[in-house]
Amino acid sequence: MKKINKTQLKQLVEAALFVADKPLSRQQLRETVLSEFTVSERALSEVLKALVLDYQPRGIQLVEVASGYRFQSLDSLSPWLSLLWQETAPRYSRAMLETLALIAYRQPITRGEIEQVRGVAVSSNIIKTLTERDWIKVVGHKEVPGRPALYATTRGFLDYFSLTSLSELPSADAFAQMAEETDQAATASVPKEAPSEVTDRANEINETKSVTLND
């Protein structure tokens, strides 16, 4: 195994994370760009911490998400950076966001249990869209008649919302307050659905989504 000094290690890790099209974990770094070198876990951790600090005051930051580390733009710059793309950011229906919220907070959960809480049927298109976006997946089947599928969130869901784990999700109270503020800001022309026990993160998702360099 070859040796590599701290400066070279920092440069190599920084370059790898910059050119990667998805987050890279410590293990992925070891199995790819660092496979020929002798690098201790401590040295790699110190380099990653140093890079995080280096980019903190800049417009681009190094953040850790569920799948590893990635570079992304500063959240506060999103309104201006979004002008670089002509297409409009996708807006998701309240029904879809409520379904996603239920899965995130009550996983594993069946489609029937989601419908019981919301009081309305869950469209097959909603489940299909969430699955295609790699936000949810089937993790098993409930041992009841019919053995309905159990849904849970994925690493892709955590990565999209810049989370490292489900423990970083906002509390139920914060969620409720966020939804109340969203409802108050909604225009009168937007049709409202029946009240639900679960609220959504529409304000955060549709208005302040961060633009990542790895998309």
C-alpha atoms as a PDB file:
ATOM      1  CA  MET A   1       0.000   0.000   0.000  1.00  0.00           C
ATOM      2  CA  LYS A   2       1.237   3.483  -0.841  1.00  0.00           C
ATOM      3  CA  LYS A   3       1.570   6.324   1.649  1.00  0.00           C
ATOM      4  CA  ILE A   4      -0.134   9.674   1.183  1.00  0.00           C
ATOM      5  CA  ASN A   5       0.456  12.855   3.163  1.00  0.00           C
ATOM      6  CA  LYS A   6      -2.318  14.903   4.732  1.00  0.00           C
ATOM      7  CA  THR A   7      -2.288  17.612   2.048  1.00  0.00           C
ATOM      8  CA  GLN A   8      -2.509  15.100  -0.802  1.00  0.00           C
ATOM      9  CA  LEU A   9      -5.242  13.188   1.040  1.00  0.00           C
ATOM     10  CA  LYS A  10      -7.269  16.347   1.495  1.00  0.00           C
ATOM     11  CA  GLN A  11      -6.889  17.273  -2.175  1.00  0.00           C
ATOM     12  CA  LEU A  12      -7.873  13.798  -3.370  1.00  0.00           C
ATOM     13  CA  VAL A  13     -10.934  13.545  -1.126  1.00  0.00           C
ATOM     14  CA  GLU A  14     -12.051  17.065  -2.060  1.00  0.00           C
ATOM     15  CA  ALA A  15     -11.692  16.350  -5.786  1.00  0.00           C
ATOM     16  CA  ALA A  16     -13.518  13.020  -5.510  1.00  0.00           C
ATOM     17  CA  LEU A  17     -16.473  14.575  -3.712  1.00  0.00           C
ATOM     18  CA  PHE A  18     -16.572  17.445  -6.181  1.00  0.00           C
ATOM     19  CA  VAL A  19     -16.728  15.314  -9.338  1.00  0.00           C
ATOM     20  CA  ALA A  20     -18.984  12.564  -7.929  1.00  0.00           C
ATOM     21  CA  ASP A  21     -22.563  12.555  -9.184  1.00  0.00           C
ATOM     22  CA  LYS A  22     -23.896  11.315  -5.845  1.00  0.00           C
ATOM     23  CA  PRO A  23     -22.903  11.410  -2.162  1.00  0.00           C
ATOM     24  CA  LEU A  24     -19.839   9.357  -1.242  1.00  0.00           C
ATOM     25  CA  SER A  25     -19.476   7.515   2.046  1.00  0.00           C
ATOM     26  CA  ARG A  26     -16.189   6.871   3.839  1.00  0.00           C
ATOM     27  CA  GLN A  27     -16.319   3.264   2.675  1.00  0.00           C
ATOM     28  CA  GLN A  28     -16.867   4.287  -0.950  1.00  0.00           C
ATOM     29  CA  LEU A  29     -13.916   6.661  -0.757  1.00  0.00           C
ATOM     30  CA  ARG A  30     -11.747   3.842   0.615  1.00  0.00           C
ATOM     31  CA  GLU A  31     -12.876   1.396  -2.069  1.00  0.00           C
ATOM     32  CA  THR A  32     -12.277   3.807  -4.944  1.00  0.00           C
ATOM     33  CA  VAL A  33      -9.889   6.769  -4.892  1.00  0.00           C
ATOM     34  CA  LEU A  34      -8.144   5.683  -1.685  1.00  0.00           C
ATOM     35  CA  SER A  35      -7.865   1.988  -2.486  1.00  0.00           C
ATOM     36  CA  GLU A  36      -4.119   2.209  -3.218  1.00  0.00           C
ATOM     37  CA  PHE A  37      -3.237   4.182  -0.096  1.00  0.00           C
ATOM     38  CA  THR A  38      -2.813   3.492   3.602  1.00  0.00           C
ATOM     39  CA  VAL A  39      -5.267   5.848   5.292  1.00  0.00           C
ATOM     40  CA  SER A  40      -6.462   5.451   8.880  1.00  0.00           C
ATOM     41  CA  GLU A  41     -10.073   6.084   9.853  1.00  0.00           C
ATOM     42  CA  ARG A  42      -8.889   8.938  12.054  1.00  0.00           C
ATOM     43  CA  ALA A  43      -6.984  10.618   9.203  1.00  0.00           C
ATOM     44  CA  LEU A  44      -9.959  10.366   6.869  1.00  0.00           C
ATOM     45  CA  SER A  45     -12.312  11.770   9.512  1.00  0.00           C
ATOM     46  CA  GLU A  46      -9.974  14.684  10.205  1.00  0.00           C
ATOM     47  CA  VAL A  47      -9.751  15.527   6.502  1.00  0.00           C
ATOM     48  CA  LEU A  48     -13.520  15.455   6.086  1.00  0.00           C
ATOM     49  CA  LYS A  49     -14.008  17.664   9.152  1.00  0.00           C
ATOM     50  CA  ALA A  50     -11.393  20.100   7.837  1.00  0.00           C
ATOM     51  CA  LEU A  51     -13.141  20.296   4.459  1.00  0.00           C
ATOM     52  CA  VAL A  52     -16.505  20.929   6.130  1.00  0.00           C
ATOM     53  CA  LEU A  53     -14.960  23.839   8.047  1.00  0.00           C
ATOM     54  CA  ASP A  54     -13.171  25.174   4.955  1.00  0.00           C
ATOM     55  CA  TYR A  55     -16.433  25.503   3.042  1.00  0.00           C
ATOM     56  CA  GLN A  56     -18.631  26.815   5.869  1.00  0.00           C
ATOM     57  CA  PRO A  57     -18.213  30.526   4.991  1.00  0.00           C
ATOM     58  CA  ARG A  58     -18.569  29.924   1.249  1.00  0.00           C
ATOM     59  CA  GLY A  59     -21.511  29.716  -1.126  1.00  0.00           C
ATOM     60  CA  ILE A  60     -20.800  26.006  -1.536  1.00  0.00           C
ATOM     61  CA  GLN A  61     -20.797  23.718   1.482  1.00  0.00           C
ATOM     62  CA  LEU A  62     -19.770  20.149   2.189  1.00  0.00           C
ATOM     63  CA  VAL A  63     -22.581  18.385   4.027  1.00  0.00           C
ATOM     64  CA  GLU A  64     -23.155  14.877   5.303  1.00  0.00           C
ATOM     65  CA  VAL A  65     -26.386  13.148   4.290  1.00  0.00           C
ATOM     66  CA  ALA A  66     -27.582   9.572   4.734  1.00  0.00           C
ATOM     67  CA  SER A  67     -25.530   8.186   1.825  1.00  0.00           C
ATOM     68  CA  GLY A  68     -22.335  10.073   2.597  1.00  0.00           C
ATOM     69  CA  TYR A  69     -20.806  13.474   1.849  1.00  0.00           C
ATOM     70  CA  ARG A  70     -21.644  15.847  -0.989  1.00  0.00           C
ATOM     71  CA  PHE A  71     -21.165  19.451  -2.032  1.00  0.00           C
ATOM     72  CA  GLN A  72     -24.274  21.622  -2.286  1.00  0.00           C
ATOM     73  CA  SER A  73     -25.089  25.292  -2.505  1.00  0.00           C
ATOM     74  CA  LEU A  74     -25.980  27.388   0.514  1.00  0.00           C
ATOM     75  CA  ASP A  75     -29.734  27.172   1.142  1.00  0.00           C
ATOM     76  CA  SER A  76     -30.144  30.949   1.320  1.00  0.00           C
ATOM     77  CA  LEU A  77     -28.833  31.322  -2.249  1.00  0.00           C
ATOM     78  CA  SER A  78     -31.516  29.093  -3.798  1.00  0.00           C
ATOM     79  CA  PRO A  79     -33.831  31.932  -5.002  1.00  0.00           C
ATOM     80  CA  TRP A  80     -31.046  33.337  -7.195  1.00  0.00           C
ATOM     81  CA  LEU A  81     -29.434  30.066  -8.261  1.00  0.00           C
ATOM     82  CA  SER A  82     -32.802  28.754  -9.427  1.00  0.00           C
ATOM     83  CA  LEU A  83     -32.724  31.407 -12.175  1.00  0.00           C
ATOM     84  CA  LEU A  84     -30.043  29.332 -13.898  1.00  0.00           C
ATOM     85  CA  TRP A  85     -32.673  26.750 -14.791  1.00  0.00           C
ATOM     86  CA  GLN A  86     -35.648  27.620 -16.978  1.00  0.00           C
ATOM     87  CA  GLU A  87     -37.850  24.768 -15.826  1.00  0.00           C
ATOM     88  CA  THR A  88     -40.044  25.371 -12.800  1.00  0.00           C
ATOM     89  CA  ALA A  89     -39.295  23.403  -9.672  1.00  0.00           C
ATOM     90  CA  PRO A  90     -41.853  20.609  -9.221  1.00  0.00           C
ATOM     91  CA  ARG A  91     -44.749  21.358  -6.908  1.00  0.00           C
ATOM     92  CA  TYR A  92     -46.283  18.431  -5.094  1.00  0.00           C
ATOM     93  CA  SER A  93     -49.900  18.092  -4.082  1.00  0.00           C
ATOM     94  CA  ARG A  94     -50.943  18.217  -0.452  1.00  0.00           C
ATOM     95  CA  ALA A  95     -52.190  14.630  -0.771  1.00  0.00           C
ATOM     96  CA  MET A  96     -48.750  13.444  -1.886  1.00  0.00           C
ATOM     97  CA  LEU A  97     -46.918  15.334   0.828  1.00  0.00           C
ATOM     98  CA  GLU A  98     -49.303  14.093   3.525  1.00  0.00           C
ATOM     99  CA  THR A  99     -48.795  10.537   2.306  1.00  0.00           C
ATOM    100  CA  LEU A 100     -45.017  10.987   2.381  1.00  0.00           C
ATOM    101  CA  ALA A 101     -45.178  12.538   5.856  1.00  0.00           C
ATOM    102  CA  LEU A 102     -47.231   9.630   7.185  1.00  0.00           C
ATOM    103  CA  ILE A 103     -44.767   7.116   5.801  1.00  0.00           C
ATOM    104  CA  ALA A 104     -41.814   9.065   7.212  1.00  0.00           C
ATOM    105  CA  TYR A 105     -43.257   9.417  10.718  1.00  0.00           C
ATOM    106  CA  ARG A 106     -45.142   6.133  11.085  1.00  0.00           C
ATOM    107  CA  GLN A 107     -43.085   3.693   9.047  1.00  0.00           C
ATOM    108  CA  PRO A 108     -43.491   0.904   8.333  1.00  0.00           C
ATOM    109  CA  ILE A 109     -47.081   1.621   7.364  1.00  0.00           C
ATOM    110  CA  THR A 110     -49.611   0.121   4.953  1.00  0.00           C
ATOM    111  CA  ARG A 111     -51.619   1.958   2.336  1.00  0.00           C
ATOM    112  CA  GLY A 112     -54.800   1.152   4.271  1.00  0.00           C
ATOM    113  CA  GLU A 113     -53.390   2.707   7.441  1.00  0.00           C
ATOM    114  CA  ILE A 114     -52.502   5.855   5.499  1.00  0.00           C
ATOM    115  CA  GLU A 115     -56.046   6.033   4.146  1.00  0.00           C
ATOM    116  CA  GLN A 116     -57.468   5.545   7.639  1.00  0.00           C
ATOM    117  CA  VAL A 117     -55.567   8.557   8.972  1.00  0.00           C
ATOM    118  CA  ARG A 118     -56.201  10.831   5.990  1.00  0.00           C
ATOM    119  CA  GLY A 119     -59.822   9.782   5.602  1.00  0.00           C
ATOM    120  CA  VAL A 120     -59.513   9.498   1.826  1.00  0.00           C
ATOM    121  CA  ALA A 121     -58.178   6.923  -0.623  1.00  0.00           C
ATOM    122  CA  VAL A 122     -54.511   7.074  -1.599  1.00  0.00           C
ATOM    123  CA  SER A 123     -54.099   7.338  -5.350  1.00  0.00           C
ATOM    124  CA  SER A 124     -51.955   4.666  -6.992  1.00  0.00           C
ATOM    125  CA  ASN A 125     -50.191   7.489  -8.845  1.00  0.00           C
ATOM    126  CA  ILE A 126     -48.995   8.937  -5.534  1.00  0.00           C
ATOM    127  CA  ILE A 127     -47.425   5.661  -4.447  1.00  0.00           C
ATOM    128  CA  LYS A 128     -45.945   5.226  -7.941  1.00  0.00           C
ATOM    129  CA  THR A 129     -44.456   8.734  -7.994  1.00  0.00           C
ATOM    130  CA  LEU A 130     -42.938   8.423  -4.518  1.00  0.00           C
ATOM    131  CA  THR A 131     -41.470   5.042  -5.443  1.00  0.00           C
ATOM    132  CA  GLU A 132     -40.046   6.276  -8.763  1.00  0.00           C
ATOM    133  CA  ARG A 133     -38.405   9.197  -6.979  1.00  0.00           C
ATOM    134  CA  ASP A 134     -36.755   6.659  -4.659  1.00  0.00           C
ATOM    135  CA  TRP A 135     -38.355   8.279  -1.615  1.00  0.00           C
ATOM    136  CA  ILE A 136     -40.250   5.190  -0.448  1.00  0.00           C
ATOM    137  CA  LYS A 137     -39.986   1.424  -0.874  1.00  0.00           C
ATOM    138  CA  VAL A 138     -41.740  -1.773   0.197  1.00  0.00           C
ATOM    139  CA  VAL A 139     -39.954  -3.250   3.213  1.00  0.00           C
ATOM    140  CA  GLY A 140     -42.248  -6.188   3.881  1.00  0.00           C
ATOM    141  CA  HIS A 141     -45.847  -7.268   4.240  1.00  0.00           C
ATOM    142  CA  LYS A 142     -48.115  -7.039   7.264  1.00  0.00           C
ATOM    143  CA  GLU A 143     -49.235 -10.402   8.636  1.00  0.00           C
ATOM    144  CA  VAL A 144     -52.966  -9.792   8.251  1.00  0.00           C
ATOM    145  CA  PRO A 145     -55.464 -11.033   5.642  1.00  0.00           C
ATOM    146  CA  GLY A 146     -54.300  -9.920   2.211  1.00  0.00           C
ATOM    147  CA  ARG A 147     -50.748  -9.271   3.503  1.00  0.00           C
ATOM    148  CA  PRO A 148     -50.672  -5.594   2.438  1.00  0.00           C
ATOM    149  CA  ALA A 149     -47.310  -4.036   1.599  1.00  0.00           C
ATOM    150  CA  LEU A 150     -45.479  -2.076   4.298  1.00  0.00           C
ATOM    151  CA  TYR A 151     -43.903   1.179   3.123  1.00  0.00           C
ATOM    152  CA  ALA A 152     -40.882   3.008   4.532  1.00  0.00           C
ATOM    153  CA  THR A 153     -38.622   5.842   3.411  1.00  0.00           C
ATOM    154  CA  THR A 154     -35.285   5.314   1.662  1.00  0.00           C
ATOM    155  CA  ARG A 155     -31.799   6.770   1.827  1.00  0.00           C
ATOM    156  CA  GLY A 156     -32.795   8.717  -1.267  1.00  0.00           C
ATOM    157  CA  PHE A 157     -35.485  10.456   0.780  1.00  0.00           C
ATOM    158  CA  LEU A 158     -32.952  11.423   3.449  1.00  0.00           C
ATOM    159  CA  ASP A 159     -30.444  12.602   0.840  1.00  0.00           C
ATOM    160  CA  TYR A 160     -33.024  14.761  -0.949  1.00  0.00           C
ATOM    161  CA  PHE A 161     -33.926  16.600   2.245  1.00  0.00           C
ATOM    162  CA  SER A 162     -30.279  16.778   3.432  1.00  0.00           C
ATOM    163  CA  LEU A 163     -30.833  14.511   6.427  1.00  0.00           C
ATOM    164  CA  THR A 164     -28.468  11.922   7.862  1.00  0.00           C
ATOM    165  CA  SER A 165     -31.199  10.013   9.732  1.00  0.00           C
ATOM    166  CA  LEU A 166     -34.925  10.074  10.506  1.00  0.00           C
ATOM    167  CA  SER A 167     -34.127  11.486  13.941  1.00  0.00           C
ATOM    168  CA  GLU A 168     -33.455  14.821  12.228  1.00  0.00           C
ATOM    169  CA  LEU A 169     -37.045  15.145  11.009  1.00  0.00           C
ATOM    170  CA  PRO A 170     -38.857  18.116  12.593  1.00  0.00           C
ATOM    171  CA  SER A 171     -41.036  17.381  15.598  1.00  0.00           C
ATOM    172  CA  ALA A 172     -44.777  16.906  15.180  1.00  0.00           C
ATOM    173  CA  ASP A 173     -45.385  20.344  16.753  1.00  0.00           C
ATOM    174  CA  ALA A 174     -42.957  22.006  14.350  1.00  0.00           C
ATOM    175  CA  PHE A 175     -44.604  20.160  11.487  1.00  0.00           C
ATOM    176  CA  ALA A 176     -48.059  21.401  12.551  1.00  0.00           C
ATOM    177  CA  GLN A 177     -46.855  24.994  12.879  1.00  0.00           C
ATOM    178  CA  MET A 178     -45.204  24.811   9.443  1.00  0.00           C
ATOM    179  CA  ALA A 179     -48.423  23.569   7.864  1.00  0.00           C
ATOM    180  CA  GLU A 180     -50.484  26.258   9.605  1.00  0.00           C
ATOM    181  CA  GLU A 181     -48.207  28.949   8.202  1.00  0.00           C
ATOM    182  CA  THR A 182     -48.461  27.356   4.747  1.00  0.00           C
ATOM    183  CA  ASP A 183     -52.267  27.303   4.897  1.00  0.00           C
ATOM    184  CA  GLN A 184     -52.392  30.953   5.967  1.00  0.00           C
ATOM    185  CA  ALA A 185     -50.207  31.933   3.017  1.00  0.00           C
ATOM    186  CA  ALA A 186     -52.209  29.912   0.482  1.00  0.00           C
ATOM    187  CA  THR A 187     -54.297  31.857  -2.015  1.00  0.00           C
ATOM    188  CA  ALA A 188     -58.087  31.648  -1.955  1.00  0.00           C
ATOM    189  CA  SER A 189     -58.074  30.167  -5.470  1.00  0.00           C
ATOM    190  CA  VAL A 190     -56.347  27.002  -4.317  1.00  0.00           C
ATOM    191  CA  PRO A 191     -58.945  24.335  -3.411  1.00  0.00           C
ATOM    192  CA  LYS A 192     -58.555  23.034   0.102  1.00  0.00           C
ATOM    193  CA  GLU A 193     -58.764  19.372   1.096  1.00  0.00           C
ATOM    194  CA  ALA A 194     -60.572  18.028   4.115  1.00  0.00           C
ATOM    195  CA  PRO A 195     -58.711  18.481   7.428  1.00  0.00           C
ATOM    196  CA  SER A 196     -56.099  15.821   8.157  1.00  0.00           C
ATOM    197  CA  GLU A 197     -54.196  14.688  11.230  1.00  0.00           C
ATOM    198  CA  VAL A 198     -50.920  14.884   9.303  1.00  0.00           C
ATOM    199  CA  THR A 199     -49.502  18.074   7.860  1.00  0.00           C
ATOM    200  CA  ASP A 200     -46.949  18.683   5.152  1.00  0.00           C
ATOM    201  CA  ARG A 201     -43.613  20.378   4.530  1.00  0.00           C
ATOM    202  CA  ALA A 202     -44.858  22.162   1.396  1.00  0.00           C
ATOM    203  CA  ASN A 203     -43.323  25.472   2.427  1.00  0.00           C
ATOM    204  CA  GLU A 204     -39.875  23.952   2.854  1.00  0.00           C
ATOM    205  CA  ILE A 205     -40.043  21.589  -0.105  1.00  0.00           C
ATOM    206  CA  ASN A 206     -41.492  23.944  -2.719  1.00  0.00           C
ATOM    207  CA  GLU A 207     -40.071  27.291  -1.632  1.00  0.00           C
ATOM    208  CA  THR A 208     -36.624  26.662  -0.147  1.00  0.00           C
ATOM    209  CA  LYS A 209     -35.316  23.495  -1.761  1.00  0.00           C
ATOM    210  CA  SER A 210     -31.527  23.550  -1.984  1.00  0.00           C
ATOM    211  CA  VAL A 211     -29.831  23.192  -5.351  1.00  0.00           C
ATOM    212  CA  THR A 212     -27.153  20.499  -5.095  1.00  0.00           C
ATOM    213  CA  LEU A 213     -24.069  20.345  -7.242  1.00  0.00           C
ATOM    214  CA  ASN A 214     -24.461  16.598  -7.584  1.00  0.00           C
ATOM    215  CA  ASP A 215     -27.928  16.598  -9.228  1.00  0.00           C
END
